[in-house]
Amino acid sequence: MTMSTVQGEIWKQITQTYLQWDPDKVHLMPVDELSDMLPAVSPDLIGETLVQAANDHLAELASGDEGSCFKPVLQ
């Protein structure tokens, strides 16, 4: 399954926010911090979009003791 139109729009916001957060594109960003930076987007929609992005090979996801993190796979 590919991203829905809504997820595609959210993914654009996520990648733009990530690039502002880490212009060098090397660090995993905490999902909680992403949610704080995109308050207009529900955390559930962010989570669903990140899972779909990972399934589509657009994002790297990781979970640990401190929560979930992600990094877009950018060319």
N, C-alpha and C. Protein backbone atom coordinates (compact mmCIF):
# COMPACT_ATOMS: atom_id res chain seq x y z
N MET A 1 0.84 -1.18 0.00
CA MET A 1 0.00 0.00 0.00
C MET A 1 0.88 1.24 0.00
N THR A 2 0.48 2.24 -0.73
CA THR A 2 1.24 3.48 -0.76
C THR A 2 0.53 4.54 0.09
N MET A 3 1.19 5.65 0.27
CA MET A 3 0.63 6.72 1.08
C MET A 3 -0.64 7.27 0.48
N SER A 4 -1.57 7.62 1.38
CA SER A 4 -2.78 8.32 0.93
C SER A 4 -2.39 9.77 0.62
N THR A 5 -3.32 10.49 0.03
CA THR A 5 -3.07 11.90 -0.27
C THR A 5 -2.78 12.68 1.00
N VAL A 6 -3.54 12.42 2.05
CA VAL A 6 -3.33 13.11 3.33
C VAL A 6 -1.95 12.77 3.89
N GLN A 7 -1.59 11.48 3.88
CA GLN A 7 -0.27 11.08 4.37
C GLN A 7 0.84 11.71 3.54
N GLY A 8 0.63 11.84 2.24
CA GLY A 8 1.63 12.49 1.38
C GLY A 8 1.87 13.93 1.79
N GLU A 9 0.80 14.63 2.09
CA GLU A 9 0.92 16.02 2.54
C GLU A 9 1.61 16.09 3.90
N ILE A 10 1.25 15.19 4.80
CA ILE A 10 1.88 15.16 6.12
C ILE A 10 3.36 14.80 5.97
N TRP A 11 3.67 13.88 5.07
CA TRP A 11 5.07 13.48 4.85
C TRP A 11 5.90 14.68 4.39
N LYS A 12 5.34 15.51 3.53
CA LYS A 12 6.06 16.72 3.11
C LYS A 12 6.37 17.61 4.30
N GLN A 13 5.38 17.79 5.19
CA GLN A 13 5.60 18.60 6.39
C GLN A 13 6.65 17.96 7.30
N ILE A 14 6.59 16.64 7.42
CA ILE A 14 7.56 15.93 8.26
C ILE A 14 8.97 16.11 7.72
N THR A 15 9.16 15.93 6.42
CA THR A 15 10.52 16.04 5.87
C THR A 15 11.03 17.48 5.96
N GLN A 16 10.15 18.46 5.74
CA GLN A 16 10.58 19.86 5.87
C GLN A 16 10.98 20.17 7.31
N THR A 17 10.21 19.67 8.25
CA THR A 17 10.51 19.89 9.66
C THR A 17 11.82 19.20 10.04
N TYR A 18 12.01 17.99 9.54
CA TYR A 18 13.25 17.27 9.81
C TYR A 18 14.46 18.03 9.27
N LEU A 19 14.36 18.55 8.06
CA LEU A 19 15.49 19.27 7.46
C LEU A 19 15.82 20.55 8.21
N GLN A 20 14.81 21.18 8.81
CA GLN A 20 15.07 22.35 9.66
C GLN A 20 15.76 21.91 10.95
N TRP A 21 15.37 20.77 11.46
CA TRP A 21 15.91 20.24 12.71
C TRP A 21 17.34 19.73 12.54
N ASP A 22 17.60 19.06 11.41
CA ASP A 22 18.94 18.50 11.13
C ASP A 22 19.30 18.72 9.67
N PRO A 23 19.82 19.91 9.33
CA PRO A 23 20.16 20.21 7.94
C PRO A 23 21.22 19.26 7.35
N ASP A 24 22.02 18.63 8.21
CA ASP A 24 23.04 17.70 7.73
C ASP A 24 22.48 16.32 7.41
N LYS A 25 21.25 16.06 7.82
CA LYS A 25 20.54 14.81 7.52
C LYS A 25 21.25 13.57 8.07
N VAL A 26 21.79 13.65 9.28
CA VAL A 26 22.53 12.51 9.82
C VAL A 26 21.93 11.92 11.10
N HIS A 27 21.09 12.64 11.81
CA HIS A 27 20.59 12.19 13.11
C HIS A 27 19.17 11.68 13.02
N LEU A 28 18.84 10.76 13.92
CA LEU A 28 17.46 10.33 14.08
C LEU A 28 16.74 11.35 14.95
N MET A 29 15.56 11.76 14.53
CA MET A 29 14.78 12.75 15.25
C MET A 29 13.74 12.05 16.13
N PRO A 30 13.62 12.44 17.40
CA PRO A 30 12.58 11.86 18.24
C PRO A 30 11.19 12.22 17.71
N VAL A 31 10.32 11.22 17.64
CA VAL A 31 8.97 11.46 17.14
C VAL A 31 8.23 12.43 18.05
N ASP A 32 8.48 12.36 19.36
CA ASP A 32 7.83 13.30 20.28
C ASP A 32 8.18 14.74 19.94
N GLU A 33 9.43 14.97 19.58
CA GLU A 33 9.85 16.33 19.20
C GLU A 33 9.17 16.76 17.91
N LEU A 34 9.03 15.82 16.98
CA LEU A 34 8.33 16.12 15.73
C LEU A 34 6.89 16.51 16.03
N SER A 35 6.25 15.79 16.92
CA SER A 35 4.86 16.11 17.29
C SER A 35 4.76 17.51 17.89
N ASP A 36 5.75 17.89 18.68
CA ASP A 36 5.77 19.23 19.27
C ASP A 36 5.94 20.31 18.19
N MET A 37 6.69 20.00 17.15
CA MET A 37 6.97 20.97 16.10
C MET A 37 5.84 21.06 15.07
N LEU A 38 4.96 20.05 15.05
CA LEU A 38 3.81 20.05 14.13
C LEU A 38 2.52 19.90 14.95
N PRO A 39 2.20 20.91 15.77
CA PRO A 39 1.05 20.77 16.67
C PRO A 39 -0.30 20.66 15.96
N ALA A 40 -0.39 21.08 14.72
CA ALA A 40 -1.66 21.01 13.99
C ALA A 40 -1.95 19.60 13.46
N VAL A 41 -0.95 18.70 13.54
CA VAL A 41 -1.11 17.34 13.04
C VAL A 41 -1.21 16.40 14.24
N SER A 42 -2.22 15.54 14.24
CA SER A 42 -2.40 14.64 15.37
C SER A 42 -1.23 13.66 15.46
N PRO A 43 -0.82 13.31 16.67
CA PRO A 43 0.26 12.33 16.84
C PRO A 43 -0.06 10.99 16.17
N ASP A 44 -1.34 10.60 16.16
CA ASP A 44 -1.72 9.34 15.50
C ASP A 44 -1.46 9.41 14.00
N LEU A 45 -1.79 10.54 13.38
CA LEU A 45 -1.56 10.70 11.95
C LEU A 45 -0.07 10.75 11.64
N ILE A 46 0.69 11.39 12.50
CA ILE A 46 2.15 11.40 12.33
C ILE A 46 2.68 9.97 12.39
N GLY A 47 2.25 9.22 13.39
CA GLY A 47 2.70 7.84 13.53
C GLY A 47 2.34 6.97 12.34
N GLU A 48 1.09 7.08 11.88
CA GLU A 48 0.65 6.31 10.71
C GLU A 48 1.46 6.68 9.48
N THR A 49 1.73 7.95 9.31
CA THR A 49 2.49 8.42 8.15
C THR A 49 3.92 7.91 8.21
N LEU A 50 4.53 7.93 9.39
CA LEU A 50 5.90 7.43 9.52
C LEU A 50 5.98 5.93 9.25
N VAL A 51 5.00 5.18 9.72
CA VAL A 51 4.98 3.73 9.45
C VAL A 51 4.84 3.48 7.96
N GLN A 52 3.95 4.21 7.31
CA GLN A 52 3.78 4.04 5.86
C GLN A 52 5.04 4.46 5.12
N ALA A 53 5.68 5.54 5.56
CA ALA A 53 6.93 5.98 4.92
C ALA A 53 8.00 4.90 5.06
N ALA A 54 8.07 4.26 6.22
CA ALA A 54 9.04 3.18 6.40
C ALA A 54 8.70 2.01 5.48
N ASN A 55 7.43 1.68 5.36
CA ASN A 55 7.01 0.59 4.47
C ASN A 55 7.33 0.91 3.01
N ASP A 56 7.28 2.19 2.67
CA ASP A 56 7.59 2.64 1.30
C ASP A 56 9.08 2.93 1.11
N HIS A 57 9.89 2.61 2.12
CA HIS A 57 11.35 2.82 2.09
C HIS A 57 11.72 4.30 1.98
N LEU A 58 10.88 5.15 2.57
CA LEU A 58 11.15 6.59 2.58
C LEU A 58 11.68 7.07 3.92
N ALA A 59 11.60 6.20 4.93
CA ALA A 59 12.04 6.60 6.27
C ALA A 59 12.67 5.42 7.00
N GLU A 60 13.57 5.76 7.89
CA GLU A 60 14.19 4.80 8.80
C GLU A 60 13.55 5.05 10.17
N LEU A 61 13.02 4.00 10.79
CA LEU A 61 12.42 4.12 12.11
C LEU A 61 13.23 3.31 13.12
N ALA A 62 13.28 3.80 14.35
CA ALA A 62 13.97 3.09 15.43
C ALA A 62 13.20 3.34 16.72
N SER A 63 13.19 2.34 17.58
CA SER A 63 12.55 2.48 18.89
C SER A 63 13.56 2.11 19.95
N GLY A 64 13.48 2.81 21.07
CA GLY A 64 14.40 2.54 22.17
C GLY A 64 13.75 2.89 23.49
N ASP A 65 14.54 2.89 24.53
CA ASP A 65 14.04 3.19 25.87
C ASP A 65 13.46 4.59 25.95
N GLU A 66 13.95 5.51 25.14
CA GLU A 66 13.52 6.90 25.20
C GLU A 66 12.42 7.22 24.19
N GLY A 67 11.90 6.21 23.50
CA GLY A 67 10.82 6.44 22.55
C GLY A 67 11.25 6.16 21.12
N SER A 68 10.37 6.52 20.20
CA SER A 68 10.61 6.27 18.79
C SER A 68 11.33 7.44 18.13
N CYS A 69 12.16 7.11 17.15
CA CYS A 69 12.90 8.12 16.38
C CYS A 69 12.76 7.76 14.91
N PHE A 70 13.04 8.73 14.06
CA PHE A 70 12.98 8.49 12.62
C PHE A 70 13.99 9.38 11.90
N LYS A 71 14.21 9.01 10.67
CA LYS A 71 15.03 9.82 9.76
C LYS A 71 14.53 9.55 8.35
N PRO A 72 14.19 10.58 7.60
CA PRO A 72 13.80 10.36 6.21
C PRO A 72 14.98 9.81 5.41
N VAL A 73 14.69 8.99 4.45
CA VAL A 73 15.70 8.52 3.52
C VAL A 73 15.66 9.49 2.35
N LEU A 74 16.59 10.42 2.36
CA LEU A 74 16.60 11.50 1.36
C LEU A 74 17.74 11.30 0.38
N GLN A 75 17.46 11.53 -0.88
CA GLN A 75 18.50 11.42 -1.90
C GLN A 75 19.26 12.71 -1.99
